[in-house]
PDB file of all heavy atoms in Angstrom:
ATOM      1  N   VAL A   1       0.862  -1.231   0.050  1.00  0.00           N
ATOM      2  CA  VAL A   1       0.030   0.011  -0.027  1.00  0.00           C
ATOM      3  C   VAL A   1       0.894   1.265   0.024  1.00  0.00           C
ATOM      4  O   VAL A   1       0.591   2.256  -0.725  1.00  0.00           O
ATOM      5  CB  VAL A   1      -0.995   0.032   1.200  1.00  0.00           C
ATOM      6  CG1 VAL A   1      -1.619   1.277   1.376  1.00  0.00           C
ATOM      7  CG2 VAL A   1      -2.026  -1.081   1.004  1.00  0.00           C
ATOM      8  N   ALA A   2       1.973   1.173   0.761  1.00  0.00           N
ATOM      9  CA  ALA A   2       2.839   2.445   0.836  1.00  0.00           C
ATOM     10  C   ALA A   2       3.528   2.595  -0.542  1.00  0.00           C
ATOM     11  O   ALA A   2       3.625   3.747  -1.150  1.00  0.00           O
ATOM     12  CB  ALA A   2       3.972   2.307   1.827  1.00  0.00           C
ATOM     13  N   ALA A   3       3.976   1.523  -1.272  1.00  0.00           N
ATOM     14  CA  ALA A   3       4.430   1.533  -2.509  1.00  0.00           C
ATOM     15  C   ALA A   3       3.488   2.161  -3.627  1.00  0.00           C
ATOM     16  O   ALA A   3       3.793   3.038  -4.402  1.00  0.00           O
ATOM     17  CB  ALA A   3       5.001   0.259  -3.056  1.00  0.00           C
ATOM     18  N   ARG A   4       2.320   1.751  -3.414  1.00  0.00           N
ATOM     19  CA  ARG A   4       1.178   2.331  -4.353  1.00  0.00           C
ATOM     20  C   ARG A   4       0.889   3.791  -4.076  1.00  0.00           C
ATOM     21  O   ARG A   4       0.690   4.492  -5.016  1.00  0.00           O
ATOM     22  CB  ARG A   4      -0.061   1.379  -4.112  1.00  0.00           C
ATOM     23  CG  ARG A   4      -1.160   1.875  -5.122  1.00  0.00           C
ATOM     24  CD  ARG A   4      -0.838   1.723  -6.519  1.00  0.00           C
ATOM     25  NE  ARG A   4      -1.851   2.216  -7.467  1.00  0.00           N
ATOM     26  CZ  ARG A   4      -1.845   3.427  -8.013  1.00  0.00           C
ATOM     27  NH1 ARG A   4      -0.959   4.372  -7.708  1.00  0.00           N
ATOM     28  NH2 ARG A   4      -2.847   3.722  -8.782  1.00  0.00           N
ATOM     29  N   GLY A   5       1.105   4.100  -2.850  1.00  0.00           N
ATOM     30  CA  GLY A   5       0.936   5.536  -2.378  1.00  0.00           C
ATOM     31  C   GLY A   5       2.000   6.389  -3.063  1.00  0.00           C
ATOM     32  O   GLY A   5       1.687   7.577  -3.502  1.00  0.00           O
ATOM     33  N   ARG A   6       3.220   5.877  -3.084  1.00  0.00           N
ATOM     34  CA  ARG A   6       4.210   6.612  -3.740  1.00  0.00           C
ATOM     35  C   ARG A   6       4.051   6.738  -5.210  1.00  0.00           C
ATOM     36  O   ARG A   6       4.401   7.796  -5.800  1.00  0.00           O
ATOM     37  CB  ARG A   6       5.609   5.911  -3.359  1.00  0.00           C
ATOM     38  CG  ARG A   6       6.164   6.147  -2.039  1.00  0.00           C
ATOM     39  CD  ARG A   6       7.479   5.604  -1.800  1.00  0.00           C
ATOM     40  NE  ARG A   6       7.649   4.147  -1.944  1.00  0.00           N
ATOM     41  CZ  ARG A   6       7.374   3.256  -0.971  1.00  0.00           C
ATOM     42  NH1 ARG A   6       6.974   3.709   0.280  1.00  0.00           N
ATOM     43  NH2 ARG A   6       7.474   1.972  -1.201  1.00  0.00           N
ATOM     44  N   GLN A   7       3.440   5.732  -5.856  1.00  0.00           N
ATOM     45  CA  GLN A   7       3.227   5.823  -7.287  1.00  0.00           C
ATOM     46  C   GLN A   7       2.138   6.891  -7.487  1.00  0.00           C
ATOM     47  O   GLN A   7       2.205   7.637  -8.482  1.00  0.00           O
ATOM     48  CB  GLN A   7       2.576   4.406  -7.723  1.00  0.00           C
ATOM     49  CG  GLN A   7       3.697   3.377  -7.907  1.00  0.00           C
ATOM     50  CD  GLN A   7       3.044   1.935  -8.319  1.00  0.00           C
ATOM     51  OE1 GLN A   7       1.788   1.898  -8.271  1.00  0.00           O
ATOM     52  NE2 GLN A   7       3.916   1.063  -8.673  1.00  0.00           N
ATOM     53  N   PHE A   8       1.114   6.888  -6.655  1.00  0.00           N
ATOM     54  CA  PHE A   8       0.095   7.912  -6.680  1.00  0.00           C
ATOM     55  C   PHE A   8       0.785   9.278  -6.601  1.00  0.00           C
ATOM     56  O   PHE A   8       0.370  10.167  -7.384  1.00  0.00           O
ATOM     57  CB  PHE A   8      -0.920   7.775  -5.687  1.00  0.00           C
ATOM     58  CG  PHE A   8      -1.966   8.805  -5.682  1.00  0.00           C
ATOM     59  CD1 PHE A   8      -3.114   8.657  -6.392  1.00  0.00           C
ATOM     60  CD2 PHE A   8      -1.836   9.961  -4.893  1.00  0.00           C
ATOM     61  CE1 PHE A   8      -4.026   9.726  -6.463  1.00  0.00           C
ATOM     62  CE2 PHE A   8      -2.798  10.961  -4.943  1.00  0.00           C
ATOM     63  CZ  PHE A   8      -3.960  10.896  -5.749  1.00  0.00           C
ATOM     64  N   ASP A   9       1.671   9.500  -5.663  1.00  0.00           N
ATOM     65  CA  ASP A   9       2.316  10.842  -5.503  1.00  0.00           C
ATOM     66  C   ASP A   9       3.032  11.114  -6.713  1.00  0.00           C
ATOM     67  O   ASP A   9       2.964  12.310  -7.120  1.00  0.00           O
ATOM     68  CB  ASP A   9       3.295  10.698  -4.229  1.00  0.00           C
ATOM     69  CG  ASP A   9       2.565  10.795  -2.920  1.00  0.00           C
ATOM     70  OD1 ASP A   9       1.357  11.089  -2.966  1.00  0.00           O
ATOM     71  OD2 ASP A   9       3.224  10.321  -1.905  1.00  0.00           O
ATOM     72  N   ASP A  10       3.832  10.228  -7.402  1.00  0.00           N
ATOM     73  CA  ASP A  10       4.462  10.515  -8.667  1.00  0.00           C
ATOM     74  C   ASP A  10       3.594  10.932  -9.765  1.00  0.00           C
ATOM     75  O   ASP A  10       3.828  11.985 -10.409  1.00  0.00           O
ATOM     76  CB  ASP A  10       5.223   9.250  -9.030  1.00  0.00           C
ATOM     77  CG  ASP A  10       6.404   8.889  -8.186  1.00  0.00           C
ATOM     78  OD1 ASP A  10       6.832   9.725  -7.298  1.00  0.00           O
ATOM     79  OD2 ASP A  10       6.878   7.768  -8.201  1.00  0.00           O
ATOM     80  N   VAL A  11       2.356  10.300  -9.864  1.00  0.00           N
ATOM     81  CA  VAL A  11       1.458  10.750 -10.856  1.00  0.00           C
ATOM     82  C   VAL A  11       0.817  12.007 -10.539  1.00  0.00           C
ATOM     83  O   VAL A  11       0.539  12.937 -11.432  1.00  0.00           O
ATOM     84  CB  VAL A  11       0.377   9.573 -11.042  1.00  0.00           C
ATOM     85  CG1 VAL A  11      -0.759  10.098 -12.018  1.00  0.00           C
ATOM     86  CG2 VAL A  11       1.109   8.452 -11.693  1.00  0.00           C
ATOM     87  N   ALA A  12       0.468  12.233  -9.198  1.00  0.00           N
ATOM     88  CA  ALA A  12      -0.225  13.440  -8.743  1.00  0.00           C
ATOM     89  C   ALA A  12       0.741  14.700  -8.997  1.00  0.00           C
ATOM     90  O   ALA A  12       0.278  15.791  -9.368  1.00  0.00           O
ATOM     91  CB  ALA A  12      -0.429  13.378  -7.292  1.00  0.00           C
ATOM     92  N   VAL A  13       2.073  14.530  -8.780  1.00  0.00           N
ATOM     93  CA  VAL A  13       2.972  15.615  -9.132  1.00  0.00           C
ATOM     94  C   VAL A  13       2.862  16.060 -10.586  1.00  0.00           C
ATOM     95  O   VAL A  13       2.913  17.203 -10.987  1.00  0.00           O
ATOM     96  CB  VAL A  13       4.491  15.160  -8.831  1.00  0.00           C
ATOM     97  CG1 VAL A  13       5.542  16.200  -9.349  1.00  0.00           C
ATOM     98  CG2 VAL A  13       4.678  15.080  -7.262  1.00  0.00           C
ATOM     99  N   LYS A  14       2.751  15.043 -11.485  1.00  0.00           N
ATOM    100  CA  LYS A  14       2.669  15.349 -12.966  1.00  0.00           C
ATOM    101  C   LYS A  14       1.346  16.034 -13.289  1.00  0.00           C
ATOM    102  O   LYS A  14       1.305  16.799 -14.110  1.00  0.00           O
ATOM    103  CB  LYS A  14       2.804  14.066 -13.761  1.00  0.00           C
ATOM    104  CG  LYS A  14       4.146  13.453 -13.705  1.00  0.00           C
ATOM    105  CD  LYS A  14       4.236  12.155 -14.438  1.00  0.00           C
ATOM    106  CE  LYS A  14       5.567  11.464 -14.119  1.00  0.00           C
ATOM    107  NZ  LYS A  14       5.670  10.075 -14.704  1.00  0.00           N
ATOM    108  N   ILE A  15       0.264  15.587 -12.666  1.00  0.00           N
ATOM    109  CA  ILE A  15      -1.047  16.131 -12.805  1.00  0.00           C
ATOM    110  C   ILE A  15      -1.143  17.581 -12.321  1.00  0.00           C
ATOM    111  O   ILE A  15      -1.638  18.451 -12.925  1.00  0.00           O
ATOM    112  CB  ILE A  15      -2.210  15.210 -12.294  1.00  0.00           C
ATOM    113  CG1 ILE A  15      -2.196  13.908 -13.070  1.00  0.00           C
ATOM    114  CG2 ILE A  15      -3.451  15.929 -12.303  1.00  0.00           C
ATOM    115  CD1 ILE A  15      -3.076  12.863 -12.425  1.00  0.00           C
ATOM    116  N   VAL A  16      -0.726  17.794 -11.053  1.00  0.00           N
ATOM    117  CA  VAL A  16      -0.919  19.043 -10.421  1.00  0.00           C
ATOM    118  C   VAL A  16       0.204  19.974 -10.870  1.00  0.00           C
ATOM    119  O   VAL A  16       0.004  21.190 -10.890  1.00  0.00           O
ATOM    120  CB  VAL A  16      -0.805  18.856  -8.835  1.00  0.00           C
ATOM    121  CG1 VAL A  16      -0.850  20.159  -8.217  1.00  0.00           C
ATOM    122  CG2 VAL A  16      -1.965  17.936  -8.441  1.00  0.00           C
ATOM    123  N   GLY A  17       1.412  19.537 -11.267  1.00  0.00           N
ATOM    124  CA  GLY A  17       2.401  20.358 -11.809  1.00  0.00           C
ATOM    125  C   GLY A  17       3.219  20.965 -10.628  1.00  0.00           C
ATOM    126  O   GLY A  17       3.955  21.916 -10.876  1.00  0.00           O
ATOM    127  N   ALA A  18       3.161  20.336  -9.552  1.00  0.00           N
ATOM    128  CA  ALA A  18       4.096  20.874  -8.459  1.00  0.00           C
ATOM    129  C   ALA A  18       4.522  19.619  -7.583  1.00  0.00           C
ATOM    130  O   ALA A  18       3.782  18.643  -7.435  1.00  0.00           O
ATOM    131  CB  ALA A  18       3.228  21.791  -7.458  1.00  0.00           C
ATOM    132  N   SER A  19       5.770  19.694  -7.180  1.00  0.00           N
ATOM    133  CA  SER A  19       6.154  18.574  -6.376  1.00  0.00           C
ATOM    134  C   SER A  19       5.966  18.927  -4.894  1.00  0.00           C
ATOM    135  O   SER A  19       5.921  20.117  -4.505  1.00  0.00           O
ATOM    136  CB  SER A  19       7.723  18.350  -6.614  1.00  0.00           C
ATOM    137  OG  SER A  19       8.380  19.491  -6.262  1.00  0.00           O
ATOM    138  N   PRO A  20       5.825  17.911  -4.050  1.00  0.00           N
ATOM    139  CA  PRO A  20       5.631  18.195  -2.568  1.00  0.00           C
ATOM    140  C   PRO A  20       6.877  18.957  -2.081  1.00  0.00           C
ATOM    141  O   PRO A  20       8.006  18.595  -2.411  1.00  0.00           O
ATOM    142  CB  PRO A  20       5.598  16.846  -1.993  1.00  0.00           C
ATOM    143  CG  PRO A  20       5.316  15.856  -3.158  1.00  0.00           C
ATOM    144  CD  PRO A  20       5.881  16.540  -4.339  1.00  0.00           C
ATOM    145  N   THR A  21       6.640  19.959  -1.313  1.00  0.00           N
ATOM    146  CA  THR A  21       7.755  20.831  -0.773  1.00  0.00           C
ATOM    147  C   THR A  21       8.367  20.162   0.463  1.00  0.00           C
ATOM    148  O   THR A  21       9.463  20.426   0.821  1.00  0.00           O
ATOM    149  CB  THR A  21       7.223  22.157  -0.399  1.00  0.00           C
ATOM    150  OG1 THR A  21       6.222  22.045   0.499  1.00  0.00           O
ATOM    151  CG2 THR A  21       6.727  22.986  -1.673  1.00  0.00           C
ATOM    152  N   ALA A  22       7.618  19.394   1.151  1.00  0.00           N
ATOM    153  CA  ALA A  22       8.207  18.751   2.336  1.00  0.00           C
ATOM    154  C   ALA A  22       7.568  17.302   2.536  1.00  0.00           C
ATOM    155  O   ALA A  22       6.504  17.048   1.856  1.00  0.00           O
ATOM    156  CB  ALA A  22       7.796  19.529   3.601  1.00  0.00           C
ATOM    157  N   ALA A  23       8.093  16.534   3.299  1.00  0.00           N
ATOM    158  CA  ALA A  23       7.477  15.144   3.546  1.00  0.00           C
ATOM    159  C   ALA A  23       6.241  15.319   4.169  1.00  0.00           C
ATOM    160  O   ALA A  23       5.968  16.352   4.845  1.00  0.00           O
ATOM    161  CB  ALA A  23       8.463  14.415   4.548  1.00  0.00           C
ATOM    162  N   PRO A  24       5.334  14.421   3.906  1.00  0.00           N
ATOM    163  CA  PRO A  24       4.033  14.505   4.541  1.00  0.00           C
ATOM    164  C   PRO A  24       4.060  14.577   6.049  1.00  0.00           C
ATOM    165  O   PRO A  24       4.978  13.959   6.699  1.00  0.00           O
ATOM    166  CB  PRO A  24       3.331  13.237   4.121  1.00  0.00           C
ATOM    167  CG  PRO A  24       4.142  12.685   2.977  1.00  0.00           C
ATOM    168  CD  PRO A  24       5.542  13.235   3.094  1.00  0.00           C
ATOM    169  N   VAL A  25       3.219  15.481   6.565  1.00  0.00           N
ATOM    170  CA  VAL A  25       3.191  15.587   8.096  1.00  0.00           C
ATOM    171  C   VAL A  25       2.552  14.392   8.685  1.00  0.00           C
ATOM    172  O   VAL A  25       1.529  13.922   8.151  1.00  0.00           O
ATOM    173  CB  VAL A  25       2.426  16.896   8.421  1.00  0.00           C
ATOM    174  CG1 VAL A  25       2.252  17.126   9.871  1.00  0.00           C
ATOM    175  CG2 VAL A  25       3.074  18.074   7.736  1.00  0.00           C
ATOM    176  N   ASP A  26       3.184  13.954   9.796  1.00  0.00           N
ATOM    177  CA  ASP A  26       2.581  12.837  10.501  1.00  0.00           C
ATOM    178  C   ASP A  26       1.187  13.129  10.941  1.00  0.00           C
ATOM    179  O   ASP A  26       0.937  14.138  11.701  1.00  0.00           O
ATOM    180  CB  ASP A  26       3.410  12.455  11.658  1.00  0.00           C
ATOM    181  CG  ASP A  26       2.883  11.126  12.465  1.00  0.00           C
ATOM    182  OD1 ASP A  26       1.883  10.635  12.029  1.00  0.00           O
ATOM    183  OD2 ASP A  26       3.514  10.873  13.519  1.00  0.00           O
ATOM    184  N   ALA A  27       0.166  12.403  10.590  1.00  0.00           N
ATOM    185  CA  ALA A  27      -1.240  12.724  10.847  1.00  0.00           C
ATOM    186  C   ALA A  27      -1.450  12.748  12.378  1.00  0.00           C
ATOM    187  O   ALA A  27      -2.346  13.522  12.863  1.00  0.00           O
ATOM    188  CB  ALA A  27      -2.177  11.669  10.240  1.00  0.00           C
ATOM    189  N   GLY A  28      -0.735  11.908  13.117  1.00  0.00           N
ATOM    190  CA  GLY A  28      -0.960  11.904  14.567  1.00  0.00           C
ATOM    191  C   GLY A  28      -0.382  13.177  15.266  1.00  0.00           C
ATOM    192  O   GLY A  28      -0.843  13.452  16.351  1.00  0.00           O
ATOM    193  N   LYS A  29       0.396  13.853  14.535  1.00  0.00           N
ATOM    194  CA  LYS A  29       1.015  15.097  15.203  1.00  0.00           C
ATOM    195  C   LYS A  29       0.313  16.368  14.823  1.00  0.00           C
ATOM    196  O   LYS A  29       0.214  17.255  15.464  1.00  0.00           O
ATOM    197  CB  LYS A  29       2.537  15.183  14.868  1.00  0.00           C
ATOM    198  CG  LYS A  29       3.349  14.124  15.484  1.00  0.00           C
ATOM    199  CD  LYS A  29       4.745  14.220  15.176  1.00  0.00           C
ATOM    200  CE  LYS A  29       5.604  13.192  15.819  1.00  0.00           C
ATOM    201  NZ  LYS A  29       6.956  13.208  15.413  1.00  0.00           N
ATOM    202  N   ALA A  30      -0.195  16.401  13.556  1.00  0.00           N
ATOM    203  CA  ALA A  30      -0.682  17.706  13.028  1.00  0.00           C
ATOM    204  C   ALA A  30      -2.156  17.704  12.812  1.00  0.00           C
ATOM    205  O   ALA A  30      -2.649  18.730  12.511  1.00  0.00           O
ATOM    206  CB  ALA A  30       0.105  17.975  11.720  1.00  0.00           C
ATOM    207  N   ARG A  31      -2.775  16.594  12.802  1.00  0.00           N
ATOM    208  CA  ARG A  31      -4.176  16.533  12.535  1.00  0.00           C
ATOM    209  C   ARG A  31      -4.945  15.984  13.837  1.00  0.00           C
ATOM    210  O   ARG A  31      -4.369  15.016  14.373  1.00  0.00           O
ATOM    211  CB  ARG A  31      -4.522  15.722  11.330  1.00  0.00           C
ATOM    212  CG  ARG A  31      -4.063  16.524  10.009  1.00  0.00           C
ATOM    213  CD  ARG A  31      -4.861  16.015   8.927  1.00  0.00           C
ATOM    214  NE  ARG A  31      -4.579  16.904   7.833  1.00  0.00           N
ATOM    215  CZ  ARG A  31      -3.731  16.623   6.740  1.00  0.00           C
ATOM    216  NH1 ARG A  31      -3.176  15.388   6.790  1.00  0.00           N
ATOM    217  NH2 ARG A  31      -3.532  17.452   5.843  1.00  0.00           N
TER     218      ARG A  31
END
């Protein structure tokens, strides 16, 4: 599932046209 999530991120970067600026925030800490 994590590998598939990284594939999604790669495609999302191409679709959105921007790369993530930072690593995803740990959901347990920021949300």
